């Protein structure tokens, strides 16, 4: 993967990142440990006390995870 997108997400992290795309009213409460991991990776940030996907998180989401692509094959 490109260095900018060098993120090997676990399936749980991947699902959390995808869940953050939906409007806040449609979301269930996020798993705090997974959320903390995504924040550490720079994929999620807090805005108005709510977790939101960052620009980097969107790029990773669009590009996908090589690990997950291997599972689908």
PDB file of N, CA and C in Angstrom:
ATOM      1  N   UNK A   1       0.826  -1.191   0.000  1.00  0.00           N
ATOM      2  CA  UNK A   1       0.000   0.000   0.000  1.00  0.00           C
ATOM      3  C   UNK A   1       0.865   1.247   0.000  1.00  0.00           C
ATOM      4  N   UNK A   2       0.361   2.319  -0.501  1.00  0.00           N
ATOM      5  CA  UNK A   2       1.009   3.610  -0.479  1.00  0.00           C
ATOM      6  C   UNK A   2       1.244   4.011   0.974  1.00  0.00           C
ATOM      7  N   UNK A   3       2.361   4.680   1.254  1.00  0.00           N
ATOM      8  CA  UNK A   3       2.700   5.061   2.632  1.00  0.00           C
ATOM      9  C   UNK A   3       1.617   5.921   3.260  1.00  0.00           C
ATOM     10  N   UNK A   4       0.955   6.752   2.464  1.00  0.00           N
ATOM     11  CA  UNK A   4      -0.105   7.611   2.989  1.00  0.00           C
ATOM     12  C   UNK A   4      -1.274   6.782   3.515  1.00  0.00           C
ATOM     13  N   UNK A   5      -1.491   5.615   2.947  1.00  0.00           N
ATOM     14  CA  UNK A   5      -2.634   4.788   3.299  1.00  0.00           C
ATOM     15  C   UNK A   5      -2.211   3.509   4.013  1.00  0.00           C
ATOM     16  N   UNK A   6      -1.025   3.488   4.570  1.00  0.00           N
ATOM     17  CA  UNK A   6      -0.476   2.278   5.163  1.00  0.00           C
ATOM     18  C   UNK A   6      -1.181   1.941   6.480  1.00  0.00           C
ATOM     19  N   UNK A   7      -2.398   1.468   6.379  1.00  0.00           N
ATOM     20  CA  UNK A   7      -3.188   1.104   7.556  1.00  0.00           C
ATOM     21  C   UNK A   7      -3.721  -0.310   7.373  1.00  0.00           C
ATOM     22  N   UNK A   8      -3.334  -1.182   8.254  1.00  0.00           N
ATOM     23  CA  UNK A   8      -3.882  -2.533   8.260  1.00  0.00           C
ATOM     24  C   UNK A   8      -4.977  -2.563   9.322  1.00  0.00           C
ATOM     25  N   UNK A   9      -6.202  -2.384   8.895  1.00  0.00           N
ATOM     26  CA  UNK A   9      -7.321  -2.331   9.830  1.00  0.00           C
ATOM     27  C   UNK A   9      -7.848  -3.725  10.121  1.00  0.00           C
ATOM     28  N   UNK A  10      -8.234  -3.930  11.364  1.00  0.00           N
ATOM     29  CA  UNK A  10      -8.905  -5.180  11.729  1.00  0.00           C
ATOM     30  C   UNK A  10     -10.335  -5.092  11.204  1.00  0.00           C
ATOM     31  N   UNK A  11     -11.018  -6.210  11.101  1.00  0.00           N
ATOM     32  CA  UNK A  11     -12.421  -6.146  10.662  1.00  0.00           C
ATOM     33  C   UNK A  11     -13.283  -5.246  11.558  1.00  0.00           C
ATOM     34  N   UNK A  12     -13.030  -5.242  12.874  1.00  0.00           N
ATOM     35  CA  UNK A  12     -13.797  -4.374  13.780  1.00  0.00           C
ATOM     36  C   UNK A  12     -13.514  -2.896  13.519  1.00  0.00           C
ATOM     37  N   UNK A  13     -12.246  -2.563  13.285  1.00  0.00           N
ATOM     38  CA  UNK A  13     -11.894  -1.179  12.974  1.00  0.00           C
ATOM     39  C   UNK A  13     -12.538  -0.760  11.649  1.00  0.00           C
ATOM     40  N   UNK A  14     -12.506  -1.650  10.686  1.00  0.00           N
ATOM     41  CA  UNK A  14     -13.101  -1.382   9.379  1.00  0.00           C
ATOM     42  C   UNK A  14     -14.601  -1.109   9.514  1.00  0.00           C
ATOM     43  N   UNK A  15     -15.293  -1.937  10.277  1.00  0.00           N
ATOM     44  CA  UNK A  15     -16.737  -1.760  10.470  1.00  0.00           C
ATOM     45  C   UNK A  15     -17.044  -0.449  11.181  1.00  0.00           C
ATOM     46  N   UNK A  16     -16.211  -0.079  12.175  1.00  0.00           N
ATOM     47  CA  UNK A  16     -16.399   1.182  12.884  1.00  0.00           C
ATOM     48  C   UNK A  16     -16.216   2.351  11.933  1.00  0.00           C
ATOM     49  N   UNK A  17     -15.191   2.296  11.110  1.00  0.00           N
ATOM     50  CA  UNK A  17     -14.939   3.367  10.156  1.00  0.00           C
ATOM     51  C   UNK A  17     -16.112   3.504   9.185  1.00  0.00           C
ATOM     52  N   UNK A  18     -16.624   2.392   8.706  1.00  0.00           N
ATOM     53  CA  UNK A  18     -17.783   2.432   7.806  1.00  0.00           C
ATOM     54  C   UNK A  18     -19.002   2.989   8.528  1.00  0.00           C
ATOM     55  N   UNK A  19     -19.187   2.636   9.797  1.00  0.00           N
ATOM     56  CA  UNK A  19     -20.347   3.109  10.561  1.00  0.00           C
ATOM     57  C   UNK A  19     -20.312   4.622  10.761  1.00  0.00           C
ATOM     58  N   UNK A  20     -19.133   5.182  10.834  1.00  0.00           N
ATOM     59  CA  UNK A  20     -19.015   6.623  11.042  1.00  0.00           C
ATOM     60  C   UNK A  20     -19.399   7.433   9.812  1.00  0.00           C
ATOM     61  N   UNK A  21     -19.608   6.777   8.677  1.00  0.00           N
ATOM     62  CA  UNK A  21     -20.061   7.489   7.470  1.00  0.00           C
ATOM     63  C   UNK A  21     -21.507   7.912   7.595  1.00  0.00           C
ATOM     64  N   UNK A  22     -22.310   7.165   8.318  1.00  0.00           N
ATOM     65  CA  UNK A  22     -23.745   7.435   8.394  1.00  0.00           C
ATOM     66  C   UNK A  22     -24.026   8.614   9.316  1.00  0.00           C
ATOM     67  N   UNK A  23     -25.190   9.240   9.150  1.00  0.00           N
ATOM     68  CA  UNK A  23     -25.552  10.362  10.032  1.00  0.00           C
ATOM     69  C   UNK A  23     -25.533   9.935  11.496  1.00  0.00           C
ATOM     70  N   UNK A  24     -25.174  10.869  12.369  1.00  0.00           N
ATOM     71  CA  UNK A  24     -25.022  10.579  13.795  1.00  0.00           C
ATOM     72  C   UNK A  24     -26.289   9.985  14.410  1.00  0.00           C
ATOM     73  N   UNK A  25     -27.439  10.375  13.950  1.00  0.00           N
ATOM     74  CA  UNK A  25     -28.682   9.875  14.534  1.00  0.00           C
ATOM     75  C   UNK A  25     -28.911   8.391  14.240  1.00  0.00           C
ATOM     76  N   UNK A  26     -28.267   7.893  13.170  1.00  0.00           N
ATOM     77  CA  UNK A  26     -28.441   6.493  12.793  1.00  0.00           C
ATOM     78  C   UNK A  26     -27.425   5.559  13.456  1.00  0.00           C
ATOM     79  N   UNK A  27     -26.474   6.116  14.199  1.00  0.00           N
ATOM     80  CA  UNK A  27     -25.384   5.319  14.745  1.00  0.00           C
ATOM     81  C   UNK A  27     -25.707   4.743  16.106  1.00  0.00           C
ATOM     82  N   UNK A  28     -25.144   3.562  16.336  1.00  0.00           N
ATOM     83  CA  UNK A  28     -25.165   3.004  17.683  1.00  0.00           C
ATOM     84  C   UNK A  28     -23.918   3.524  18.400  1.00  0.00           C
ATOM     85  N   UNK A  29     -23.829   3.315  19.704  1.00  0.00           N
ATOM     86  CA  UNK A  29     -22.674   3.790  20.449  1.00  0.00           C
ATOM     87  C   UNK A  29     -21.422   3.036  20.012  1.00  0.00           C
ATOM     88  N   UNK A  30     -20.351   3.762  19.687  1.00  0.00           N
ATOM     89  CA  UNK A  30     -19.137   3.104  19.212  1.00  0.00           C
ATOM     90  C   UNK A  30     -18.374   2.426  20.343  1.00  0.00           C
ATOM     91  N   UNK A  31     -17.627   1.409  19.972  1.00  0.00           N
ATOM     92  CA  UNK A  31     -16.742   0.718  20.903  1.00  0.00           C
ATOM     93  C   UNK A  31     -15.576   1.649  21.216  1.00  0.00           C
ATOM     94  N   UNK A  32     -15.425   2.007  22.467  1.00  0.00           N
ATOM     95  CA  UNK A  32     -14.381   2.970  22.845  1.00  0.00           C
ATOM     96  C   UNK A  32     -12.959   2.493  22.520  1.00  0.00           C
ATOM     97  N   UNK A  33     -12.602   1.234  22.772  1.00  0.00           N
ATOM     98  CA  UNK A  33     -11.235   0.819  22.429  1.00  0.00           C
ATOM     99  C   UNK A  33     -10.950   0.905  20.925  1.00  0.00           C
ATOM    100  N   UNK A  34     -11.904   0.508  20.117  1.00  0.00           N
ATOM    101  CA  UNK A  34     -11.712   0.574  18.664  1.00  0.00           C
ATOM    102  C   UNK A  34     -11.667   2.034  18.211  1.00  0.00           C
ATOM    103  N   UNK A  35     -12.524   2.845  18.790  1.00  0.00           N
ATOM    104  CA  UNK A  35     -12.535   4.272  18.474  1.00  0.00           C
ATOM    105  C   UNK A  35     -11.185   4.901  18.826  1.00  0.00           C
ATOM    106  N   UNK A  36     -10.624   4.547  19.979  1.00  0.00           N
ATOM    107  CA  UNK A  36      -9.319   5.069  20.398  1.00  0.00           C
ATOM    108  C   UNK A  36      -8.232   4.664  19.405  1.00  0.00           C
ATOM    109  N   UNK A  37      -8.302   3.430  18.897  1.00  0.00           N
ATOM    110  CA  UNK A  37      -7.319   2.969  17.915  1.00  0.00           C
ATOM    111  C   UNK A  37      -7.423   3.781  16.626  1.00  0.00           C
ATOM    112  N   UNK A  38      -8.643   4.046  16.181  1.00  0.00           N
ATOM    113  CA  UNK A  38      -8.837   4.817  14.948  1.00  0.00           C
ATOM    114  C   UNK A  38      -8.388   6.266  15.119  1.00  0.00           C
ATOM    115  N   UNK A  39      -8.575   6.817  16.323  1.00  0.00           N
ATOM    116  CA  UNK A  39      -8.106   8.174  16.607  1.00  0.00           C
ATOM    117  C   UNK A  39      -6.581   8.202  16.562  1.00  0.00           C
ATOM    118  N   UNK A  40      -5.946   7.196  17.153  1.00  0.00           N
ATOM    119  CA  UNK A  40      -4.490   7.101  17.141  1.00  0.00           C
ATOM    120  C   UNK A  40      -3.950   7.029  15.715  1.00  0.00           C
ATOM    121  N   UNK A  41      -4.661   6.333  14.834  1.00  0.00           N
ATOM    122  CA  UNK A  41      -4.256   6.215  13.430  1.00  0.00           C
ATOM    123  C   UNK A  41      -4.561   7.482  12.619  1.00  0.00           C
ATOM    124  N   UNK A  42      -5.293   8.429  13.223  1.00  0.00           N
ATOM    125  CA  UNK A  42      -5.637   9.660  12.523  1.00  0.00           C
ATOM    126  C   UNK A  42      -6.809   9.511  11.573  1.00  0.00           C
ATOM    127  N   UNK A  43      -7.588   8.449  11.743  1.00  0.00           N
ATOM    128  CA  UNK A  43      -8.717   8.194  10.852  1.00  0.00           C
ATOM    129  C   UNK A  43     -10.021   8.765  11.392  1.00  0.00           C
ATOM    130  N   UNK A  44     -10.056   9.042  12.688  1.00  0.00           N
ATOM    131  CA  UNK A  44     -11.245   9.561  13.355  1.00  0.00           C
ATOM    132  C   UNK A  44     -10.807  10.678  14.296  1.00  0.00           C
ATOM    133  N   UNK A  45     -11.666  11.680  14.459  1.00  0.00           N
ATOM    134  CA  UNK A  45     -11.424  12.773  15.403  1.00  0.00           C
ATOM    135  C   UNK A  45     -12.751  13.097  16.085  1.00  0.00           C
ATOM    136  N   UNK A  46     -12.692  13.905  17.115  1.00  0.00           N
ATOM    137  CA  UNK A  46     -13.914  14.350  17.767  1.00  0.00           C
ATOM    138  C   UNK A  46     -14.235  15.758  17.319  1.00  0.00           C
ATOM    139  N   UNK A  47     -15.500  15.990  16.980  1.00  0.00           N
ATOM    140  CA  UNK A  47     -16.009  17.308  16.623  1.00  0.00           C
ATOM    141  C   UNK A  47     -17.333  17.467  17.341  1.00  0.00           C
ATOM    142  N   UNK A  48     -17.455  18.520  18.110  1.00  0.00           N
ATOM    143  CA  UNK A  48     -18.670  18.753  18.907  1.00  0.00           C
ATOM    144  C   UNK A  48     -18.995  17.541  19.776  1.00  0.00           C
ATOM    145  N   UNK A  49     -17.964  16.967  20.368  1.00  0.00           N
ATOM    146  CA  UNK A  49     -18.084  15.819  21.275  1.00  0.00           C
ATOM    147  C   UNK A  49     -18.621  14.549  20.610  1.00  0.00           C
ATOM    148  N   UNK A  50     -18.502  14.465  19.293  1.00  0.00           N
ATOM    149  CA  UNK A  50     -18.928  13.277  18.547  1.00  0.00           C
ATOM    150  C   UNK A  50     -17.783  12.791  17.679  1.00  0.00           C
ATOM    151  N   UNK A  51     -17.637  11.468  17.532  1.00  0.00           N
ATOM    152  CA  UNK A  51     -16.596  10.973  16.631  1.00  0.00           C
ATOM    153  C   UNK A  51     -17.001  11.199  15.178  1.00  0.00           C
ATOM    154  N   UNK A  52     -16.045  11.704  14.395  1.00  0.00           N
ATOM    155  CA  UNK A  52     -16.268  11.930  12.962  1.00  0.00           C
ATOM    156  C   UNK A  52     -15.071  11.388  12.195  1.00  0.00           C
ATOM    157  N   UNK A  53     -15.330  10.927  11.007  1.00  0.00           N
ATOM    158  CA  UNK A  53     -14.267  10.409  10.155  1.00  0.00           C
ATOM    159  C   UNK A  53     -13.467  11.587   9.597  1.00  0.00           C
ATOM    160  N   UNK A  54     -12.147  11.474   9.591  1.00  0.00           N
ATOM    161  CA  UNK A  54     -11.280  12.535   9.080  1.00  0.00           C
ATOM    162  C   UNK A  54     -11.099  12.375   7.574  1.00  0.00           C
ATOM    163  N   UNK A  55     -10.441  13.366   6.976  1.00  0.00           N
ATOM    164  CA  UNK A  55     -10.156  13.277   5.541  1.00  0.00           C
ATOM    165  C   UNK A  55      -9.297  12.045   5.256  1.00  0.00           C
ATOM    166  N   UNK A  56      -8.321  11.787   6.109  1.00  0.00           N
ATOM    167  CA  UNK A  56      -7.477  10.594   5.935  1.00  0.00           C
ATOM    168  C   UNK A  56      -8.324   9.330   6.083  1.00  0.00           C
ATOM    169  N   UNK A  57      -9.254   9.342   7.031  1.00  0.00           N
ATOM    170  CA  UNK A  57     -10.140   8.199   7.221  1.00  0.00           C
ATOM    171  C   UNK A  57     -10.982   7.924   5.992  1.00  0.00           C
ATOM    172  N   UNK A  58     -11.449   8.984   5.346  1.00  0.00           N
ATOM    173  CA  UNK A  58     -12.233   8.818   4.110  1.00  0.00           C
ATOM    174  C   UNK A  58     -11.391   8.202   3.003  1.00  0.00           C
ATOM    175  N   UNK A  59     -10.133   8.656   2.901  1.00  0.00           N
ATOM    176  CA  UNK A  59      -9.249   8.111   1.868  1.00  0.00           C
ATOM    177  C   UNK A  59      -8.998   6.624   2.105  1.00  0.00           C
ATOM    178  N   UNK A  60      -8.763   6.264   3.361  1.00  0.00           N
ATOM    179  CA  UNK A  60      -8.535   4.854   3.689  1.00  0.00           C
ATOM    180  C   UNK A  60      -9.792   4.044   3.394  1.00  0.00           C
ATOM    181  N   UNK A  61     -10.939   4.594   3.721  1.00  0.00           N
ATOM    182  CA  UNK A  61     -12.201   3.904   3.486  1.00  0.00           C
ATOM    183  C   UNK A  61     -12.441   3.675   2.002  1.00  0.00           C
ATOM    184  N   UNK A  62     -12.151   4.675   1.184  1.00  0.00           N
ATOM    185  CA  UNK A  62     -12.342   4.546  -0.259  1.00  0.00           C
ATOM    186  C   UNK A  62     -11.342   3.553  -0.846  1.00  0.00           C
ATOM    187  N   UNK A  63     -10.118   3.651  -0.403  1.00  0.00           N
ATOM    188  CA  UNK A  63      -9.074   2.772  -0.937  1.00  0.00           C
ATOM    189  C   UNK A  63      -9.245   1.338  -0.454  1.00  0.00           C
ATOM    190  N   UNK A  64      -9.665   1.167   0.790  1.00  0.00           N
ATOM    191  CA  UNK A  64      -9.844  -0.172   1.345  1.00  0.00           C
ATOM    192  C   UNK A  64      -8.605  -0.657   2.060  1.00  0.00           C
ATOM    193  N   UNK A  65      -8.717  -1.811   2.630  1.00  0.00           N
ATOM    194  CA  UNK A  65      -7.621  -2.428   3.356  1.00  0.00           C
ATOM    195  C   UNK A  65      -7.184  -3.674   2.607  1.00  0.00           C
ATOM    196  N   UNK A  66      -5.878  -3.784   2.350  1.00  0.00           N
ATOM    197  CA  UNK A  66      -5.383  -4.963   1.632  1.00  0.00           C
ATOM    198  C   UNK A  66      -5.712  -6.245   2.381  1.00  0.00           C
ATOM    199  N   UNK A  67      -5.661  -6.201   3.699  1.00  0.00           N
ATOM    200  CA  UNK A  67      -5.973  -7.380   4.511  1.00  0.00           C
ATOM    201  C   UNK A  67      -7.411  -7.835   4.257  1.00  0.00           C
ATOM    202  N   UNK A  68      -8.339  -6.887   4.174  1.00  0.00           N
ATOM    203  CA  UNK A  68      -9.735  -7.228   3.923  1.00  0.00           C
ATOM    204  C   UNK A  68      -9.942  -7.704   2.497  1.00  0.00           C
ATOM    205  N   UNK A  69      -9.195  -7.145   1.556  1.00  0.00           N
ATOM    206  CA  UNK A  69      -9.304  -7.603   0.171  1.00  0.00           C
ATOM    207  C   UNK A  69      -8.824  -9.055   0.070  1.00  0.00           C
ATOM    208  N   UNK A  70      -7.792  -9.397   0.822  1.00  0.00           N
ATOM    209  CA  UNK A  70      -7.301 -10.781   0.829  1.00  0.00           C
ATOM    210  C   UNK A  70      -8.356 -11.734   1.390  1.00  0.00           C
ATOM    211  N   UNK A  71      -9.108 -11.289   2.393  1.00  0.00           N
ATOM    212  CA  UNK A  71     -10.156 -12.133   2.975  1.00  0.00           C
ATOM    213  C   UNK A  71     -11.291 -12.378   1.991  1.00  0.00           C
ATOM    214  N   UNK A  72     -11.570 -11.382   1.146  1.00  0.00           N
ATOM    215  CA  UNK A  72     -12.668 -11.504   0.191  1.00  0.00           C
ATOM    216  C   UNK A  72     -12.315 -12.432  -0.972  1.00  0.00           C
ATOM    217  N   UNK A  73     -11.046 -12.589  -1.224  1.00  0.00           N
ATOM    218  CA  UNK A  73     -10.610 -13.390  -2.370  1.00  0.00           C
ATOM    219  C   UNK A  73     -10.782 -14.869  -2.165  1.00  0.00           C
TER     220      UNK A  73
END
